[in-house]
Amino acid sequence: MDNSKFSKIALVLSVVALAASIVVLIISLNSGKTAGTSQKTDSDGIVLDSAGNISIAYVNLDTLLLEYKYSIKLNEDLLTEQAKAKANLESRIKAFEKKYNDFMEKMRLGSFISQASMESQQNELMQEQANLEQLDAQLTEELMIKQSEMNEELYDTVMNFIKKQYADQYTLILGNAAGSNILYAASGMNITRDVIDKLNERYAKSNAAN
């Protein structure tokens, strides 16, 4: 029984897929959002820096997803589910292999009471093998669905947080990840650490409240 499909499931968060969704995050602002702040805005309410330029920043998504504690928890939960599913499948495969080996030994010794008995046990083995293959496919699909749901939840969490936390500071926030389009940016444009710290602070408060 080939259960190698499990190794094909990307258990570490799908950074590339997530990054593709938020490679460019454009925040439209109005003048009311920046009231009482030191930021400048143009006539359309677009945030400008102190030099009068459009305010742009970027977030390193690889780092964020590896250091955001909620992301770590979700990933570890998925790893645990995968380990349990794999252990369950491997246990059933071993039981099947024992039955199969016993069957083959009976055939070698010619110890079946009748041809009908041999065929009946053979059919049972074939049905059990088909059930195991179906279970393998089912478990793989379930894990892939859960990973997709996890990525979507993280995407919504990060996107909503960035919009709420940084809408009055930046006009454009880019998502940077391995293979993305950002080849160079001044160090001051990298707000990854600030985003991670604030996300983890909010996550800690949420856990404390529960």
N, C-alpha and C. Protein backbone atom coordinates (compact mmCIF):
# COMPACT_ATOMS: atom_id res chain seq x y z
N MET A 1 0.85 -1.19 0.00
CA MET A 1 0.00 0.00 0.00
C MET A 1 0.88 1.23 0.00
N ASP A 2 0.70 2.09 -0.95
CA ASP A 2 1.51 3.31 -1.07
C ASP A 2 0.80 4.46 -0.40
N ASN A 3 1.36 4.92 0.73
CA ASN A 3 0.75 6.06 1.42
C ASN A 3 1.63 7.28 1.32
N SER A 4 2.39 7.38 0.19
CA SER A 4 3.32 8.49 0.02
C SER A 4 2.62 9.81 -0.23
N LYS A 5 1.31 9.77 -0.44
CA LYS A 5 0.58 11.02 -0.68
C LYS A 5 0.73 11.98 0.49
N PHE A 6 0.87 11.40 1.68
CA PHE A 6 0.98 12.26 2.86
C PHE A 6 2.19 13.15 2.76
N SER A 7 3.27 12.64 2.17
CA SER A 7 4.49 13.44 2.10
C SER A 7 4.34 14.60 1.14
N LYS A 8 3.31 14.56 0.31
CA LYS A 8 3.10 15.61 -0.68
C LYS A 8 2.29 16.77 -0.13
N ILE A 9 1.74 16.60 1.08
CA ILE A 9 0.93 17.66 1.66
C ILE A 9 1.85 18.69 2.29
N ALA A 10 1.77 19.92 1.87
CA ALA A 10 2.64 20.98 2.41
C ALA A 10 2.12 21.39 3.76
N LEU A 11 2.74 20.88 4.81
CA LEU A 11 2.25 21.17 6.14
C LEU A 11 2.73 22.51 6.66
N VAL A 12 3.95 22.89 6.26
CA VAL A 12 4.39 24.23 6.61
C VAL A 12 3.53 25.18 5.82
N LEU A 13 3.12 26.26 6.41
CA LEU A 13 2.17 27.18 5.78
C LEU A 13 2.58 27.48 4.36
N SER A 14 1.58 27.53 3.49
CA SER A 14 1.83 27.78 2.08
C SER A 14 2.10 29.26 1.87
N VAL A 15 3.35 29.64 2.14
CA VAL A 15 3.72 31.05 2.07
C VAL A 15 3.54 31.60 0.66
N VAL A 16 3.94 30.80 -0.35
CA VAL A 16 3.85 31.29 -1.72
C VAL A 16 2.41 31.58 -2.10
N ALA A 17 1.50 30.65 -1.73
CA ALA A 17 0.09 30.85 -2.06
C ALA A 17 -0.48 32.04 -1.32
N LEU A 18 -0.10 32.17 -0.07
CA LEU A 18 -0.60 33.29 0.72
C LEU A 18 -0.02 34.60 0.21
N ALA A 19 1.26 34.57 -0.14
CA ALA A 19 1.91 35.79 -0.62
C ALA A 19 1.29 36.25 -1.93
N ALA A 20 0.89 35.29 -2.77
CA ALA A 20 0.28 35.66 -4.04
C ALA A 20 -1.01 36.43 -3.84
N SER A 21 -1.69 36.14 -2.72
CA SER A 21 -2.94 36.82 -2.43
C SER A 21 -2.75 38.23 -1.92
N ILE A 22 -1.58 38.46 -1.27
CA ILE A 22 -1.38 39.79 -0.68
C ILE A 22 -0.05 40.40 -1.10
N VAL A 23 0.35 40.12 -2.34
CA VAL A 23 1.58 40.72 -2.85
C VAL A 23 1.46 42.22 -2.86
N VAL A 24 0.29 42.73 -3.21
CA VAL A 24 0.09 44.17 -3.17
C VAL A 24 -1.17 44.48 -2.38
N LEU A 25 -1.03 45.21 -1.29
CA LEU A 25 -2.17 45.61 -0.46
C LEU A 25 -2.30 47.11 -0.55
N ILE A 26 -3.35 47.58 -1.24
CA ILE A 26 -3.55 49.01 -1.42
C ILE A 26 -4.61 49.49 -0.45
N ILE A 27 -4.24 50.47 0.36
CA ILE A 27 -5.17 51.02 1.34
C ILE A 27 -5.58 52.41 0.90
N SER A 28 -6.85 52.59 0.61
CA SER A 28 -7.36 53.90 0.23
C SER A 28 -7.77 54.65 1.49
N LEU A 29 -7.31 55.86 1.63
CA LEU A 29 -7.55 56.64 2.82
C LEU A 29 -8.39 57.86 2.51
N ASN A 30 -9.00 58.39 3.56
CA ASN A 30 -9.65 59.68 3.42
C ASN A 30 -9.09 60.60 4.49
N SER A 31 -9.32 61.88 4.36
CA SER A 31 -8.70 62.84 5.25
C SER A 31 -9.14 62.66 6.69
N GLY A 32 -10.31 62.12 6.91
CA GLY A 32 -10.82 61.93 8.26
C GLY A 32 -10.02 60.92 9.05
N LYS A 33 -9.37 59.94 8.36
CA LYS A 33 -8.62 58.91 9.06
C LYS A 33 -7.34 59.43 9.65
N THR A 34 -6.83 60.55 9.13
CA THR A 34 -5.53 61.01 9.58
C THR A 34 -5.65 62.22 10.49
N ALA A 35 -6.85 62.55 10.90
CA ALA A 35 -7.04 63.69 11.79
C ALA A 35 -6.31 63.45 13.10
N GLY A 36 -5.53 64.43 13.53
CA GLY A 36 -4.83 64.31 14.79
C GLY A 36 -3.51 63.57 14.68
N THR A 37 -3.07 63.17 13.43
CA THR A 37 -1.79 62.51 13.26
C THR A 37 -0.83 63.47 12.59
N SER A 38 0.46 63.08 12.56
CA SER A 38 1.49 63.92 11.94
C SER A 38 1.62 63.66 10.45
N GLN A 39 0.87 62.69 9.91
CA GLN A 39 0.95 62.36 8.50
C GLN A 39 0.29 63.44 7.64
N LYS A 40 0.87 63.64 6.45
CA LYS A 40 0.27 64.56 5.49
C LYS A 40 -0.58 63.78 4.51
N THR A 41 -1.57 64.43 3.93
CA THR A 41 -2.37 63.81 2.88
C THR A 41 -2.54 64.80 1.75
N ASP A 42 -2.74 64.24 0.54
CA ASP A 42 -3.00 65.13 -0.58
C ASP A 42 -4.50 65.37 -0.68
N SER A 43 -4.94 66.00 -1.76
CA SER A 43 -6.36 66.36 -1.89
C SER A 43 -7.28 65.15 -1.98
N ASP A 44 -6.70 63.98 -2.36
CA ASP A 44 -7.51 62.76 -2.45
C ASP A 44 -7.44 61.94 -1.17
N GLY A 45 -6.77 62.49 -0.15
CA GLY A 45 -6.67 61.77 1.12
C GLY A 45 -5.58 60.73 1.13
N ILE A 46 -4.69 60.70 0.12
CA ILE A 46 -3.59 59.73 0.08
C ILE A 46 -2.49 60.16 1.04
N VAL A 47 -2.02 59.23 1.86
CA VAL A 47 -1.03 59.53 2.88
C VAL A 47 0.33 59.83 2.23
N LEU A 48 0.97 60.92 2.69
CA LEU A 48 2.28 61.31 2.20
C LEU A 48 3.26 61.31 3.36
N ASP A 49 4.54 61.07 3.05
CA ASP A 49 5.54 61.13 4.10
C ASP A 49 5.97 62.57 4.31
N SER A 50 6.98 62.78 5.16
CA SER A 50 7.40 64.13 5.51
C SER A 50 7.95 64.90 4.31
N ALA A 51 8.41 64.19 3.28
CA ALA A 51 8.94 64.85 2.08
C ALA A 51 7.85 65.09 1.04
N GLY A 52 6.64 64.73 1.35
CA GLY A 52 5.54 64.92 0.41
C GLY A 52 5.37 63.79 -0.59
N ASN A 53 6.04 62.66 -0.36
CA ASN A 53 5.93 61.51 -1.26
C ASN A 53 4.89 60.51 -0.74
N ILE A 54 4.39 59.68 -1.65
CA ILE A 54 3.45 58.65 -1.25
C ILE A 54 4.12 57.72 -0.25
N SER A 55 3.43 57.40 0.84
CA SER A 55 3.99 56.57 1.91
C SER A 55 3.81 55.09 1.59
N ILE A 56 4.94 54.38 1.44
CA ILE A 56 4.92 52.96 1.06
C ILE A 56 5.75 52.15 2.05
N ALA A 57 5.30 50.93 2.35
CA ALA A 57 6.04 50.01 3.20
C ALA A 57 5.85 48.59 2.67
N TYR A 58 6.60 47.66 3.24
CA TYR A 58 6.39 46.25 2.85
C TYR A 58 6.55 45.35 4.07
N VAL A 59 5.95 44.16 3.95
CA VAL A 59 6.01 43.15 5.01
C VAL A 59 6.61 41.88 4.43
N ASN A 60 7.61 41.33 5.10
CA ASN A 60 8.20 40.06 4.68
C ASN A 60 7.28 38.93 5.16
N LEU A 61 6.56 38.32 4.24
CA LEU A 61 5.54 37.34 4.61
C LEU A 61 6.15 36.03 5.11
N ASP A 62 7.31 35.65 4.57
CA ASP A 62 7.96 34.43 5.06
C ASP A 62 8.24 34.54 6.55
N THR A 63 8.83 35.66 6.94
CA THR A 63 9.17 35.88 8.34
C THR A 63 7.91 35.99 9.20
N LEU A 64 6.93 36.71 8.70
CA LEU A 64 5.69 36.90 9.46
C LEU A 64 5.03 35.56 9.78
N LEU A 65 4.90 34.70 8.78
CA LEU A 65 4.20 33.45 8.97
C LEU A 65 4.99 32.46 9.82
N LEU A 66 6.30 32.64 9.90
CA LEU A 66 7.12 31.76 10.72
C LEU A 66 7.23 32.24 12.17
N GLU A 67 6.96 33.53 12.42
CA GLU A 67 7.12 34.08 13.76
C GLU A 67 5.81 34.53 14.40
N TYR A 68 4.76 34.63 13.63
CA TYR A 68 3.45 34.99 14.19
C TYR A 68 2.94 33.79 14.99
N LYS A 69 2.73 33.95 16.28
CA LYS A 69 2.44 32.84 17.17
C LYS A 69 1.14 32.11 16.82
N TYR A 70 0.17 32.85 16.33
CA TYR A 70 -1.08 32.20 15.93
C TYR A 70 -0.85 31.32 14.70
N SER A 71 0.00 31.79 13.79
CA SER A 71 0.37 31.00 12.63
C SER A 71 1.09 29.72 13.05
N ILE A 72 2.00 29.85 14.02
CA ILE A 72 2.73 28.69 14.52
C ILE A 72 1.76 27.68 15.14
N LYS A 73 0.81 28.17 15.93
CA LYS A 73 -0.15 27.27 16.58
C LYS A 73 -0.98 26.52 15.55
N LEU A 74 -1.51 27.23 14.55
CA LEU A 74 -2.32 26.58 13.53
C LEU A 74 -1.53 25.52 12.78
N ASN A 75 -0.28 25.84 12.48
CA ASN A 75 0.56 24.90 11.76
C ASN A 75 0.86 23.67 12.60
N GLU A 76 1.13 23.86 13.90
CA GLU A 76 1.40 22.73 14.78
C GLU A 76 0.16 21.86 14.95
N ASP A 77 -1.01 22.49 15.00
CA ASP A 77 -2.26 21.72 15.10
C ASP A 77 -2.45 20.85 13.86
N LEU A 78 -2.12 21.41 12.71
CA LEU A 78 -2.27 20.64 11.47
C LEU A 78 -1.25 19.50 11.42
N LEU A 79 -0.04 19.75 11.89
CA LEU A 79 0.97 18.70 11.95
C LEU A 79 0.50 17.55 12.85
N THR A 80 -0.14 17.89 13.96
CA THR A 80 -0.65 16.87 14.88
C THR A 80 -1.73 16.04 14.21
N GLU A 81 -2.63 16.71 13.50
CA GLU A 81 -3.70 15.98 12.80
C GLU A 81 -3.12 15.07 11.74
N GLN A 82 -2.09 15.54 11.03
CA GLN A 82 -1.48 14.71 10.00
C GLN A 82 -0.82 13.48 10.60
N ALA A 83 -0.13 13.68 11.74
CA ALA A 83 0.55 12.57 12.39
C ALA A 83 -0.45 11.51 12.84
N LYS A 84 -1.59 11.95 13.40
CA LYS A 84 -2.62 11.01 13.84
C LYS A 84 -3.21 10.25 12.65
N ALA A 85 -3.49 10.98 11.58
CA ALA A 85 -4.08 10.34 10.39
C ALA A 85 -3.11 9.34 9.79
N LYS A 86 -1.83 9.72 9.74
CA LYS A 86 -0.83 8.82 9.18
C LYS A 86 -0.67 7.57 10.03
N ALA A 87 -0.66 7.76 11.37
CA ALA A 87 -0.52 6.61 12.27
C ALA A 87 -1.70 5.66 12.14
N ASN A 88 -2.91 6.21 12.01
CA ASN A 88 -4.10 5.39 11.84
C ASN A 88 -4.04 4.59 10.55
N LEU A 89 -3.62 5.25 9.47
CA LEU A 89 -3.53 4.57 8.18
C LEU A 89 -2.46 3.49 8.20
N GLU A 90 -1.30 3.80 8.77
CA GLU A 90 -0.21 2.83 8.81
C GLU A 90 -0.59 1.61 9.65
N SER A 91 -1.34 1.83 10.74
CA SER A 91 -1.79 0.72 11.57
C SER A 91 -2.70 -0.22 10.80
N ARG A 92 -3.62 0.36 10.04
CA ARG A 92 -4.54 -0.46 9.25
C ARG A 92 -3.82 -1.16 8.11
N ILE A 93 -2.81 -0.50 7.54
CA ILE A 93 -2.04 -1.13 6.47
C ILE A 93 -1.27 -2.34 6.99
N LYS A 94 -0.67 -2.21 8.19
CA LYS A 94 0.06 -3.34 8.78
C LYS A 94 -0.87 -4.52 9.05
N ALA A 95 -2.08 -4.22 9.54
CA ALA A 95 -3.05 -5.29 9.78
C ALA A 95 -3.43 -5.98 8.48
N PHE A 96 -3.59 -5.18 7.42
CA PHE A 96 -3.93 -5.74 6.12
C PHE A 96 -2.79 -6.62 5.60
N GLU A 97 -1.56 -6.14 5.75
CA GLU A 97 -0.40 -6.89 5.26
C GLU A 97 -0.29 -8.23 5.97
N LYS A 98 -0.61 -8.25 7.27
CA LYS A 98 -0.58 -9.54 8.00
C LYS A 98 -1.61 -10.50 7.44
N LYS A 99 -2.82 -9.99 7.20
CA LYS A 99 -3.86 -10.85 6.63
C LYS A 99 -3.45 -11.37 5.25
N TYR A 100 -2.84 -10.47 4.48
CA TYR A 100 -2.42 -10.86 3.12
C TYR A 100 -1.34 -11.93 3.18
N ASN A 101 -0.36 -11.75 4.08
CA ASN A 101 0.72 -12.75 4.21
C ASN A 101 0.17 -14.08 4.70
N ASP A 102 -0.79 -14.04 5.63
CA ASP A 102 -1.42 -15.28 6.10
C ASP A 102 -2.14 -15.98 4.96
N PHE A 103 -2.81 -15.21 4.14
CA PHE A 103 -3.54 -15.77 3.00
C PHE A 103 -2.57 -16.44 2.03
N MET A 104 -1.45 -15.75 1.74
CA MET A 104 -0.47 -16.29 0.80
C MET A 104 0.17 -17.57 1.35
N GLU A 105 0.37 -17.59 2.69
CA GLU A 105 0.94 -18.80 3.30
C GLU A 105 -0.02 -19.98 3.19
N LYS A 106 -1.31 -19.73 3.39
CA LYS A 106 -2.31 -20.79 3.23
C LYS A 106 -2.32 -21.30 1.79
N MET A 107 -2.21 -20.38 0.85
CA MET A 107 -2.17 -20.80 -0.55
C MET A 107 -0.95 -21.67 -0.82
N ARG A 108 0.19 -21.28 -0.27
CA ARG A 108 1.42 -22.04 -0.48
C ARG A 108 1.31 -23.45 0.10
N LEU A 109 0.67 -23.53 1.27
CA LEU A 109 0.53 -24.84 1.93
C LEU A 109 -0.67 -25.62 1.44
N GLY A 110 -1.55 -24.96 0.69
CA GLY A 110 -2.75 -25.62 0.22
C GLY A 110 -3.68 -26.02 1.34
N SER A 111 -3.81 -25.12 2.32
CA SER A 111 -4.57 -25.48 3.53
C SER A 111 -6.00 -24.92 3.54
N PHE A 112 -6.45 -24.41 2.42
CA PHE A 112 -7.84 -23.96 2.36
C PHE A 112 -8.76 -25.17 2.31
N ILE A 113 -9.88 -25.08 3.01
CA ILE A 113 -10.82 -26.20 3.04
C ILE A 113 -11.41 -26.44 1.66
N SER A 114 -11.67 -25.33 0.94
CA SER A 114 -12.27 -25.47 -0.39
C SER A 114 -11.87 -24.28 -1.25
N GLN A 115 -12.11 -24.41 -2.54
CA GLN A 115 -11.85 -23.32 -3.47
C GLN A 115 -12.73 -22.12 -3.13
N ALA A 116 -13.95 -22.39 -2.72
CA ALA A 116 -14.88 -21.31 -2.37
C ALA A 116 -14.37 -20.53 -1.17
N SER A 117 -13.79 -21.24 -0.21
CA SER A 117 -13.24 -20.55 0.98
C SER A 117 -12.08 -19.65 0.60
N MET A 118 -11.21 -20.14 -0.29
CA MET A 118 -10.07 -19.35 -0.74
C MET A 118 -10.54 -18.10 -1.48
N GLU A 119 -11.51 -18.27 -2.37
CA GLU A 119 -12.00 -17.14 -3.15
C GLU A 119 -12.70 -16.12 -2.25
N SER A 120 -13.42 -16.59 -1.24
CA SER A 120 -14.10 -15.69 -0.32
C SER A 120 -13.10 -14.82 0.44
N GLN A 121 -12.03 -15.43 0.96
CA GLN A 121 -11.01 -14.67 1.68
C GLN A 121 -10.25 -13.73 0.74
N GLN A 122 -10.05 -14.18 -0.48
CA GLN A 122 -9.37 -13.33 -1.46
C GLN A 122 -10.20 -12.09 -1.77
N ASN A 123 -11.51 -12.28 -1.92
CA ASN A 123 -12.40 -11.15 -2.18
C ASN A 123 -12.42 -10.17 -1.01
N GLU A 124 -12.38 -10.72 0.22
CA GLU A 124 -12.35 -9.86 1.40
C GLU A 124 -11.08 -9.00 1.42
N LEU A 125 -9.97 -9.60 1.05
CA LEU A 125 -8.70 -8.87 1.01
C LEU A 125 -8.74 -7.77 -0.05
N MET A 126 -9.32 -8.10 -1.19
CA MET A 126 -9.41 -7.11 -2.27
C MET A 126 -10.28 -5.92 -1.85
N GLN A 127 -11.38 -6.21 -1.15
CA GLN A 127 -12.27 -5.16 -0.68
C GLN A 127 -11.58 -4.31 0.38
N GLU A 128 -10.83 -4.97 1.28
CA GLU A 128 -10.12 -4.23 2.33
C GLU A 128 -9.04 -3.34 1.72
N GLN A 129 -8.38 -3.83 0.70
CA GLN A 129 -7.37 -3.02 0.03
C GLN A 129 -8.00 -1.79 -0.61
N ALA A 130 -9.14 -1.98 -1.25
CA ALA A 130 -9.85 -0.86 -1.87
C ALA A 130 -10.28 0.16 -0.81
N ASN A 131 -10.72 -0.34 0.35
CA ASN A 131 -11.12 0.55 1.44
C ASN A 131 -9.94 1.37 1.95
N LEU A 132 -8.77 0.75 2.04
CA LEU A 132 -7.57 1.45 2.50
C LEU A 132 -7.15 2.52 1.51
N GLU A 133 -7.25 2.22 0.23
CA GLU A 133 -6.90 3.21 -0.79
C GLU A 133 -7.87 4.39 -0.73
N GLN A 134 -9.14 4.09 -0.48
CA GLN A 134 -10.14 5.16 -0.36
C GLN A 134 -9.87 6.00 0.89
N LEU A 135 -9.49 5.34 1.99
CA LEU A 135 -9.18 6.06 3.22
C LEU A 135 -7.96 6.95 3.03
N ASP A 136 -6.96 6.44 2.34
CA ASP A 136 -5.76 7.23 2.06
C ASP A 136 -6.12 8.50 1.31
N ALA A 137 -6.92 8.36 0.26
CA ALA A 137 -7.32 9.52 -0.53
C ALA A 137 -8.17 10.49 0.29
N GLN A 138 -9.06 9.93 1.13
CA GLN A 138 -9.94 10.76 1.95
C GLN A 138 -9.14 11.58 2.97
N LEU A 139 -8.21 10.93 3.66
CA LEU A 139 -7.39 11.62 4.65
C LEU A 139 -6.54 12.71 4.01
N THR A 140 -5.98 12.40 2.84
CA THR A 140 -5.16 13.38 2.13
C THR A 140 -5.99 14.60 1.75
N GLU A 141 -7.20 14.36 1.23
CA GLU A 141 -8.07 15.45 0.82
C GLU A 141 -8.49 16.29 2.02
N GLU A 142 -8.82 15.64 3.13
CA GLU A 142 -9.24 16.36 4.34
C GLU A 142 -8.13 17.27 4.86
N LEU A 143 -6.89 16.77 4.84
CA LEU A 143 -5.77 17.57 5.32
C LEU A 143 -5.50 18.76 4.40
N MET A 144 -5.65 18.55 3.10
CA MET A 144 -5.45 19.64 2.15
C MET A 144 -6.52 20.72 2.33
N ILE A 145 -7.75 20.29 2.59
CA ILE A 145 -8.85 21.24 2.82
C ILE A 145 -8.58 22.03 4.09
N LYS A 146 -8.15 21.34 5.15
CA LYS A 146 -7.86 22.03 6.41
C LYS A 146 -6.71 23.02 6.26
N GLN A 147 -5.70 22.65 5.46
CA GLN A 147 -4.60 23.57 5.23
C GLN A 147 -5.07 24.80 4.46
N SER A 148 -5.93 24.58 3.47
CA SER A 148 -6.47 25.70 2.70
C SER A 148 -7.28 26.62 3.60
N GLU A 149 -8.10 26.04 4.49
CA GLU A 149 -8.89 26.84 5.42
C GLU A 149 -7.99 27.60 6.38
N MET A 150 -6.91 26.97 6.81
CA MET A 150 -5.97 27.63 7.71
C MET A 150 -5.31 28.82 7.03
N ASN A 151 -4.89 28.64 5.77
CA ASN A 151 -4.28 29.74 5.03
C ASN A 151 -5.25 30.90 4.85
N GLU A 152 -6.50 30.56 4.57
CA GLU A 152 -7.52 31.60 4.38
C GLU A 152 -7.75 32.37 5.68
N GLU A 153 -7.77 31.64 6.80
CA GLU A 153 -7.98 32.29 8.10
C GLU A 153 -6.82 33.23 8.42
N LEU A 154 -5.60 32.78 8.15
CA LEU A 154 -4.43 33.61 8.39
C LEU A 154 -4.44 34.84 7.49
N TYR A 155 -4.81 34.62 6.25
CA TYR A 155 -4.88 35.73 5.29
C TYR A 155 -5.84 36.80 5.79
N ASP A 156 -7.04 36.37 6.20
CA ASP A 156 -8.03 37.33 6.69
C ASP A 156 -7.54 38.04 7.95
N THR A 157 -6.92 37.28 8.85
CA THR A 157 -6.43 37.87 10.10
C THR A 157 -5.38 38.94 9.83
N VAL A 158 -4.41 38.61 9.00
CA VAL A 158 -3.31 39.54 8.71
C VAL A 158 -3.82 40.74 7.92
N MET A 159 -4.63 40.50 6.92
CA MET A 159 -5.14 41.59 6.08
C MET A 159 -5.96 42.58 6.91
N ASN A 160 -6.88 42.05 7.71
CA ASN A 160 -7.72 42.94 8.51
C ASN A 160 -6.90 43.71 9.54
N PHE A 161 -5.91 43.05 10.13
CA PHE A 161 -5.07 43.72 11.10
C PHE A 161 -4.28 44.85 10.46
N ILE A 162 -3.68 44.58 9.30
CA ILE A 162 -2.88 45.60 8.62
C ILE A 162 -3.74 46.79 8.23
N LYS A 163 -4.91 46.53 7.71
CA LYS A 163 -5.80 47.62 7.33
C LYS A 163 -6.15 48.49 8.53
N LYS A 164 -6.45 47.83 9.65
CA LYS A 164 -6.86 48.57 10.85
C LYS A 164 -5.69 49.31 11.48
N GLN A 165 -4.53 48.67 11.51
CA GLN A 165 -3.40 49.21 12.25
C GLN A 165 -2.59 50.25 11.46
N TYR A 166 -2.54 50.11 10.13
CA TYR A 166 -1.62 50.94 9.35
C TYR A 166 -2.28 51.81 8.29
N ALA A 167 -3.61 51.83 8.26
CA ALA A 167 -4.30 52.58 7.22
C ALA A 167 -4.04 54.08 7.30
N ASP A 168 -3.72 54.57 8.49
CA ASP A 168 -3.48 56.01 8.61
C ASP A 168 -2.00 56.36 8.47
N GLN A 169 -1.17 55.35 8.13
CA GLN A 169 0.25 55.60 8.00
C GLN A 169 0.77 55.40 6.58
N TYR A 170 0.13 54.50 5.83
CA TYR A 170 0.66 54.15 4.51
C TYR A 170 -0.44 54.13 3.45
N THR A 171 -0.05 54.51 2.25
CA THR A 171 -0.95 54.41 1.11
C THR A 171 -0.86 53.02 0.48
N LEU A 172 0.36 52.46 0.49
CA LEU A 172 0.59 51.17 -0.17
C LEU A 172 1.47 50.29 0.71
N ILE A 173 1.01 49.07 0.97
CA ILE A 173 1.81 48.10 1.70
C ILE A 173 1.99 46.87 0.82
N LEU A 174 3.24 46.52 0.57
CA LEU A 174 3.55 45.39 -0.30
C LEU A 174 3.85 44.15 0.54
N GLY A 175 3.53 43.00 -0.02
CA GLY A 175 3.87 41.74 0.63
C GLY A 175 5.10 41.16 -0.05
N ASN A 176 6.18 40.98 0.69
CA ASN A 176 7.42 40.47 0.12
C ASN A 176 7.63 39.02 0.55
N ALA A 177 8.00 38.18 -0.39
CA ALA A 177 8.29 36.78 -0.10
C ALA A 177 9.29 36.28 -1.13
N ALA A 178 9.86 35.13 -0.89
CA ALA A 178 10.83 34.57 -1.83
C ALA A 178 10.20 34.47 -3.22
N GLY A 179 10.88 35.04 -4.20
CA GLY A 179 10.38 34.99 -5.57
C GLY A 179 9.42 36.09 -5.92
N SER A 180 9.20 37.06 -5.01
CA SER A 180 8.28 38.15 -5.31
C SER A 180 9.00 39.22 -6.12
N ASN A 181 8.29 40.32 -6.38
CA ASN A 181 8.82 41.35 -7.28
C ASN A 181 9.66 42.41 -6.60
N ILE A 182 9.76 42.39 -5.28
CA ILE A 182 10.56 43.39 -4.59
C ILE A 182 12.02 42.96 -4.61
N LEU A 183 12.83 43.64 -5.41
CA LEU A 183 14.24 43.31 -5.52
C LEU A 183 15.09 44.14 -4.57
N TYR A 184 14.62 45.35 -4.26
CA TYR A 184 15.35 46.21 -3.32
C TYR A 184 14.37 47.19 -2.70
N ALA A 185 14.59 47.48 -1.44
CA ALA A 185 13.81 48.50 -0.74
C ALA A 185 14.65 49.02 0.41
N ALA A 186 14.53 50.30 0.70
CA ALA A 186 15.25 50.87 1.82
C ALA A 186 14.80 50.21 3.11
N SER A 187 15.73 50.04 4.06
CA SER A 187 15.43 49.32 5.29
C SER A 187 14.27 49.93 6.07
N GLY A 188 14.12 51.24 5.97
CA GLY A 188 13.05 51.90 6.70
C GLY A 188 11.67 51.55 6.20
N MET A 189 11.57 50.95 5.01
CA MET A 189 10.27 50.57 4.46
C MET A 189 9.79 49.22 4.98
N ASN A 190 10.69 48.49 5.62
CA ASN A 190 10.36 47.15 6.13
C ASN A 190 9.68 47.27 7.49
N ILE A 191 8.39 47.00 7.55
CA ILE A 191 7.64 47.09 8.81
C ILE A 191 7.29 45.71 9.35
N THR A 192 8.00 44.69 8.88
CA THR A 192 7.70 43.31 9.28
C THR A 192 7.75 43.11 10.78
N ARG A 193 8.84 43.57 11.40
CA ARG A 193 8.99 43.35 12.84
C ARG A 193 7.88 44.02 13.63
N ASP A 194 7.53 45.22 13.22
CA ASP A 194 6.46 45.93 13.92
C ASP A 194 5.14 45.19 13.79
N VAL A 195 4.86 44.68 12.59
CA VAL A 195 3.62 43.93 12.36
C VAL A 195 3.59 42.66 13.21
N ILE A 196 4.70 41.91 13.21
CA ILE A 196 4.77 40.66 13.97
C ILE A 196 4.59 40.93 15.46
N ASP A 197 5.30 41.93 15.97
CA ASP A 197 5.21 42.25 17.40
C ASP A 197 3.78 42.62 17.80
N LYS A 198 3.14 43.42 16.97
CA LYS A 198 1.77 43.85 17.29
C LYS A 198 0.78 42.69 17.17
N LEU A 199 0.97 41.82 16.17
CA LEU A 199 0.10 40.66 16.03
C LEU A 199 0.27 39.72 17.22
N ASN A 200 1.50 39.48 17.63
CA ASN A 200 1.75 38.59 18.76
C ASN A 200 1.24 39.19 20.08
N GLU A 201 1.34 40.50 20.19
CA GLU A 201 0.82 41.17 21.38
C GLU A 201 -0.70 41.00 21.45
N ARG A 202 -1.36 41.18 20.32
CA ARG A 202 -2.81 41.01 20.29
C ARG A 202 -3.20 39.56 20.56
N TYR A 203 -2.42 38.62 20.03
CA TYR A 203 -2.70 37.19 20.23
C TYR A 203 -2.55 36.82 21.70
N ALA A 204 -1.50 37.37 22.35
CA ALA A 204 -1.27 37.10 23.77
C ALA A 204 -2.43 37.63 24.61
N LYS A 205 -2.90 38.82 24.29
CA LYS A 205 -4.03 39.39 25.02
C LYS A 205 -5.30 38.56 24.83
N SER A 206 -5.48 38.06 23.62
CA SER A 206 -6.66 37.25 23.33
C SER A 206 -6.62 35.95 24.13
N ASN A 207 -5.45 35.34 24.24
CA ASN A 207 -5.32 34.10 25.02
C ASN A 207 -5.52 34.37 26.50
N ALA A 208 -5.01 35.52 26.97
CA ALA A 208 -5.16 35.85 28.38
C ALA A 208 -6.63 36.08 28.74
N ALA A 209 -7.38 36.65 27.80
CA ALA A 209 -8.79 36.92 28.04
C ALA A 209 -9.60 35.62 28.09
N ASN A 210 -9.11 34.60 27.37
CA ASN A 210 -9.83 33.32 27.36
C ASN A 210 -9.41 32.45 28.53
